[in-house]
N, C-alpha and C. Protein backbone atom coordinates (compact mmCIF):
# COMPACT_ATOMS: atom_id res chain seq x y z
N MET A 1 26.06 -62.17 29.87
CA MET A 1 24.73 -61.62 30.03
C MET A 1 24.23 -61.96 31.43
N GLU A 2 23.56 -61.01 32.04
CA GLU A 2 23.00 -61.17 33.38
C GLU A 2 21.48 -61.12 33.27
N THR A 3 20.81 -61.60 34.28
CA THR A 3 19.35 -61.49 34.33
C THR A 3 18.96 -60.77 35.62
N THR A 4 17.77 -60.18 35.61
CA THR A 4 17.26 -59.49 36.78
C THR A 4 15.74 -59.59 36.74
N LYS A 5 15.09 -59.22 37.81
CA LYS A 5 13.64 -59.33 37.89
C LYS A 5 13.07 -58.00 38.37
N MET A 6 11.91 -57.60 37.83
CA MET A 6 11.27 -56.37 38.24
C MET A 6 10.45 -56.62 39.50
N SER A 7 10.51 -55.65 40.43
CA SER A 7 9.73 -55.74 41.66
C SER A 7 8.29 -55.31 41.39
N SER A 8 7.44 -55.48 42.42
CA SER A 8 6.04 -55.06 42.29
C SER A 8 5.92 -53.55 42.13
N ARG A 9 6.95 -52.80 42.49
CA ARG A 9 6.95 -51.33 42.36
C ARG A 9 7.61 -50.88 41.05
N GLY A 10 7.94 -51.81 40.16
CA GLY A 10 8.53 -51.45 38.87
C GLY A 10 10.03 -51.22 38.94
N GLN A 11 10.67 -51.61 40.01
CA GLN A 11 12.10 -51.40 40.17
C GLN A 11 12.87 -52.61 39.66
N VAL A 12 14.01 -52.31 39.02
CA VAL A 12 14.88 -53.36 38.49
C VAL A 12 16.28 -53.12 39.03
N VAL A 13 16.92 -54.17 39.51
CA VAL A 13 18.29 -54.07 39.99
C VAL A 13 19.23 -54.33 38.82
N ILE A 14 20.18 -53.43 38.62
CA ILE A 14 21.21 -53.64 37.61
C ILE A 14 22.33 -54.41 38.30
N PRO A 15 22.66 -55.60 37.82
CA PRO A 15 23.67 -56.42 38.49
C PRO A 15 25.00 -55.67 38.66
N GLN A 16 25.69 -55.96 39.77
CA GLN A 16 26.92 -55.26 40.12
C GLN A 16 27.96 -55.33 39.01
N ASP A 17 28.14 -56.49 38.39
CA ASP A 17 29.13 -56.62 37.32
C ASP A 17 28.85 -55.64 36.19
N VAL A 18 27.57 -55.48 35.85
CA VAL A 18 27.18 -54.56 34.78
C VAL A 18 27.41 -53.11 35.22
N ARG A 19 27.04 -52.78 36.46
CA ARG A 19 27.27 -51.43 36.98
C ARG A 19 28.75 -51.07 36.94
N GLU A 20 29.59 -51.99 37.33
CA GLU A 20 31.03 -51.74 37.33
C GLU A 20 31.56 -51.59 35.90
N GLU A 21 31.05 -52.40 34.99
CA GLU A 21 31.51 -52.36 33.60
C GLU A 21 31.25 -51.00 32.95
N VAL A 22 30.10 -50.40 33.26
CA VAL A 22 29.75 -49.12 32.64
C VAL A 22 29.95 -47.94 33.59
N CYS A 23 30.56 -48.20 34.74
CA CYS A 23 30.91 -47.15 35.71
C CYS A 23 29.70 -46.32 36.12
N VAL A 24 28.69 -46.96 36.68
CA VAL A 24 27.53 -46.24 37.20
C VAL A 24 27.38 -46.55 38.67
N GLY A 25 26.83 -45.59 39.38
CA GLY A 25 26.61 -45.77 40.81
C GLY A 25 25.35 -45.06 41.23
N GLU A 26 25.15 -44.98 42.53
CA GLU A 26 23.98 -44.32 43.07
C GLU A 26 23.91 -42.88 42.56
N GLY A 27 22.73 -42.48 42.10
CA GLY A 27 22.52 -41.11 41.61
C GLY A 27 22.77 -40.95 40.13
N THR A 28 23.27 -41.98 39.45
CA THR A 28 23.48 -41.89 38.00
C THR A 28 22.14 -41.67 37.32
N VAL A 29 22.11 -40.76 36.36
CA VAL A 29 20.88 -40.44 35.63
C VAL A 29 20.90 -41.20 34.30
N PHE A 30 19.76 -41.79 33.95
CA PHE A 30 19.64 -42.56 32.72
C PHE A 30 18.51 -42.01 31.85
N ALA A 31 18.71 -42.07 30.54
CA ALA A 31 17.62 -41.89 29.59
C ALA A 31 17.05 -43.29 29.39
N VAL A 32 15.72 -43.40 29.34
CA VAL A 32 15.07 -44.71 29.19
C VAL A 32 14.35 -44.73 27.86
N MET A 33 14.68 -45.72 27.02
CA MET A 33 14.05 -45.86 25.71
C MET A 33 13.44 -47.25 25.60
N ALA A 34 12.36 -47.34 24.87
CA ALA A 34 11.69 -48.63 24.72
C ALA A 34 11.35 -48.88 23.26
N GLY A 35 11.33 -50.14 22.89
CA GLY A 35 10.94 -50.54 21.55
C GLY A 35 10.54 -52.01 21.57
N LYS A 36 9.35 -52.28 21.06
CA LYS A 36 8.79 -53.65 21.06
C LYS A 36 9.01 -54.34 22.39
N ASP A 37 9.94 -55.31 22.46
CA ASP A 37 10.15 -56.07 23.69
C ASP A 37 11.50 -55.73 24.34
N MET A 38 11.93 -54.48 24.19
CA MET A 38 13.24 -54.10 24.70
C MET A 38 13.15 -52.77 25.46
N ILE A 39 13.87 -52.68 26.56
CA ILE A 39 14.02 -51.44 27.31
C ILE A 39 15.52 -51.17 27.38
N MET A 40 15.92 -49.96 27.02
CA MET A 40 17.34 -49.63 27.01
C MET A 40 17.59 -48.43 27.93
N LEU A 41 18.65 -48.52 28.73
CA LEU A 41 19.07 -47.42 29.59
C LEU A 41 20.34 -46.82 28.99
N LYS A 42 20.37 -45.51 28.88
CA LYS A 42 21.56 -44.80 28.38
C LYS A 42 22.04 -43.88 29.49
N LYS A 43 23.28 -44.09 29.94
CA LYS A 43 23.84 -43.25 31.00
C LYS A 43 23.99 -41.83 30.49
N MET A 44 23.47 -40.89 31.27
CA MET A 44 23.56 -39.47 30.91
C MET A 44 24.75 -38.88 31.64
N GLU A 45 25.65 -38.28 30.90
CA GLU A 45 26.83 -37.68 31.49
C GLU A 45 26.48 -36.28 32.00
N THR A 46 26.88 -35.97 33.20
CA THR A 46 26.70 -34.64 33.76
C THR A 46 28.04 -33.93 33.64
N PRO A 47 28.07 -32.82 32.91
CA PRO A 47 29.36 -32.14 32.75
C PRO A 47 29.86 -31.57 34.08
N SER A 48 31.17 -31.54 34.22
CA SER A 48 31.77 -30.98 35.43
C SER A 48 31.68 -29.46 35.39
N LYS A 49 31.84 -28.85 36.56
CA LYS A 49 31.84 -27.39 36.65
C LYS A 49 32.94 -26.81 35.76
N GLU A 50 34.10 -27.43 35.80
CA GLU A 50 35.23 -26.96 34.99
C GLU A 50 34.91 -27.03 33.50
N SER A 51 34.26 -28.11 33.09
CA SER A 51 33.89 -28.28 31.68
C SER A 51 32.88 -27.22 31.26
N LEU A 52 31.89 -26.95 32.12
CA LEU A 52 30.90 -25.92 31.80
C LEU A 52 31.54 -24.54 31.68
N ILE A 53 32.45 -24.21 32.60
CA ILE A 53 33.13 -22.92 32.56
C ILE A 53 33.96 -22.81 31.28
N LYS A 54 34.65 -23.87 30.92
CA LYS A 54 35.46 -23.88 29.70
C LYS A 54 34.58 -23.63 28.47
N ASP A 55 33.42 -24.32 28.41
CA ASP A 55 32.51 -24.16 27.29
C ASP A 55 31.93 -22.74 27.23
N LEU A 56 31.57 -22.19 28.39
CA LEU A 56 31.03 -20.82 28.42
C LEU A 56 32.08 -19.80 27.97
N LYS A 57 33.32 -19.98 28.39
CA LYS A 57 34.40 -19.08 27.96
C LYS A 57 34.60 -19.17 26.44
N ARG A 58 34.54 -20.39 25.91
CA ARG A 58 34.68 -20.58 24.46
C ARG A 58 33.55 -19.88 23.71
N LEU A 59 32.30 -20.05 24.20
CA LEU A 59 31.16 -19.40 23.56
C LEU A 59 31.28 -17.87 23.62
N ALA A 60 31.74 -17.35 24.75
CA ALA A 60 31.91 -15.90 24.89
C ALA A 60 32.97 -15.40 23.91
N ARG A 61 34.06 -16.14 23.80
CA ARG A 61 35.14 -15.77 22.87
C ARG A 61 34.63 -15.77 21.42
N GLU A 62 33.87 -16.82 21.05
CA GLU A 62 33.31 -16.89 19.70
C GLU A 62 32.35 -15.74 19.46
N GLY A 63 31.54 -15.40 20.46
CA GLY A 63 30.61 -14.28 20.33
C GLY A 63 31.35 -12.97 20.12
N ARG A 64 32.40 -12.74 20.91
CA ARG A 64 33.20 -11.52 20.75
C ARG A 64 33.82 -11.46 19.35
N ASN A 65 34.32 -12.59 18.88
CA ASN A 65 34.93 -12.63 17.54
C ASN A 65 33.91 -12.28 16.46
N ARG A 66 32.70 -12.83 16.58
CA ARG A 66 31.66 -12.54 15.59
C ARG A 66 31.27 -11.06 15.61
N ILE A 67 31.19 -10.50 16.81
CA ILE A 67 30.85 -9.08 16.94
C ILE A 67 31.93 -8.22 16.28
N GLU A 68 33.19 -8.55 16.54
CA GLU A 68 34.30 -7.80 15.95
C GLU A 68 34.30 -7.93 14.42
N GLU A 69 34.03 -9.15 13.92
CA GLU A 69 34.00 -9.36 12.47
C GLU A 69 32.94 -8.49 11.80
N LYS A 70 31.83 -8.27 12.48
CA LYS A 70 30.74 -7.48 11.92
C LYS A 70 30.95 -5.99 12.16
N GLY A 71 32.00 -5.64 12.90
CA GLY A 71 32.28 -4.24 13.16
C GLY A 71 31.33 -3.59 14.16
N LEU A 72 30.71 -4.40 15.01
CA LEU A 72 29.77 -3.87 15.99
C LEU A 72 30.50 -3.45 17.26
N LYS A 73 29.89 -2.52 17.97
CA LYS A 73 30.40 -2.06 19.26
C LYS A 73 29.40 -2.47 20.33
N GLU A 74 29.83 -2.44 21.59
CA GLU A 74 28.95 -2.83 22.69
C GLU A 74 27.69 -1.99 22.72
N ARG A 75 27.80 -0.71 22.45
CA ARG A 75 26.61 0.16 22.47
C ARG A 75 25.61 -0.25 21.40
N ASP A 76 26.10 -0.79 20.26
CA ASP A 76 25.20 -1.27 19.21
C ASP A 76 24.34 -2.43 19.73
N LEU A 77 24.94 -3.29 20.54
CA LEU A 77 24.21 -4.43 21.08
C LEU A 77 23.15 -3.98 22.08
N HIS A 78 23.50 -2.98 22.90
CA HIS A 78 22.52 -2.45 23.85
C HIS A 78 21.33 -1.84 23.11
N GLU A 79 21.60 -1.11 22.05
CA GLU A 79 20.53 -0.49 21.26
C GLU A 79 19.65 -1.57 20.61
N PHE A 80 20.28 -2.61 20.07
CA PHE A 80 19.55 -3.70 19.44
C PHE A 80 18.63 -4.38 20.48
N ALA A 81 19.18 -4.67 21.68
CA ALA A 81 18.38 -5.32 22.73
C ALA A 81 17.20 -4.43 23.12
N ARG A 82 17.42 -3.12 23.20
CA ARG A 82 16.34 -2.20 23.58
C ARG A 82 15.23 -2.23 22.54
N ARG A 83 15.61 -2.24 21.27
CA ARG A 83 14.59 -2.26 20.20
C ARG A 83 13.81 -3.56 20.20
N VAL A 84 14.49 -4.67 20.42
CA VAL A 84 13.81 -5.97 20.43
C VAL A 84 12.82 -6.05 21.60
N ARG A 85 13.21 -5.54 22.75
CA ARG A 85 12.33 -5.59 23.92
C ARG A 85 11.08 -4.75 23.75
N HIS A 86 11.15 -3.71 22.93
CA HIS A 86 10.02 -2.79 22.77
C HIS A 86 9.15 -3.10 21.54
N ARG A 87 9.27 -4.25 20.99
CA ARG A 87 8.45 -4.63 19.84
C ARG A 87 7.07 -4.96 20.26
């Protein structure tokens, strides 16, 4: 366990050993949670460009599969979008 002290500006230094243990560096984004006498930082993972592209391709594939299962055509989707916009 390490200790640290808050500055007059509310800043806290995370000790180097702890930063290395959880692989965080400058620019790391954290979610901050509090409860009674505890403050917890949770490292927020930023997905890579490759991961985002992979996920978008998977979602597009799933969408196409659902459309095919329902027997819909692309023109049906355009008509549906037009009707929804004009409500």
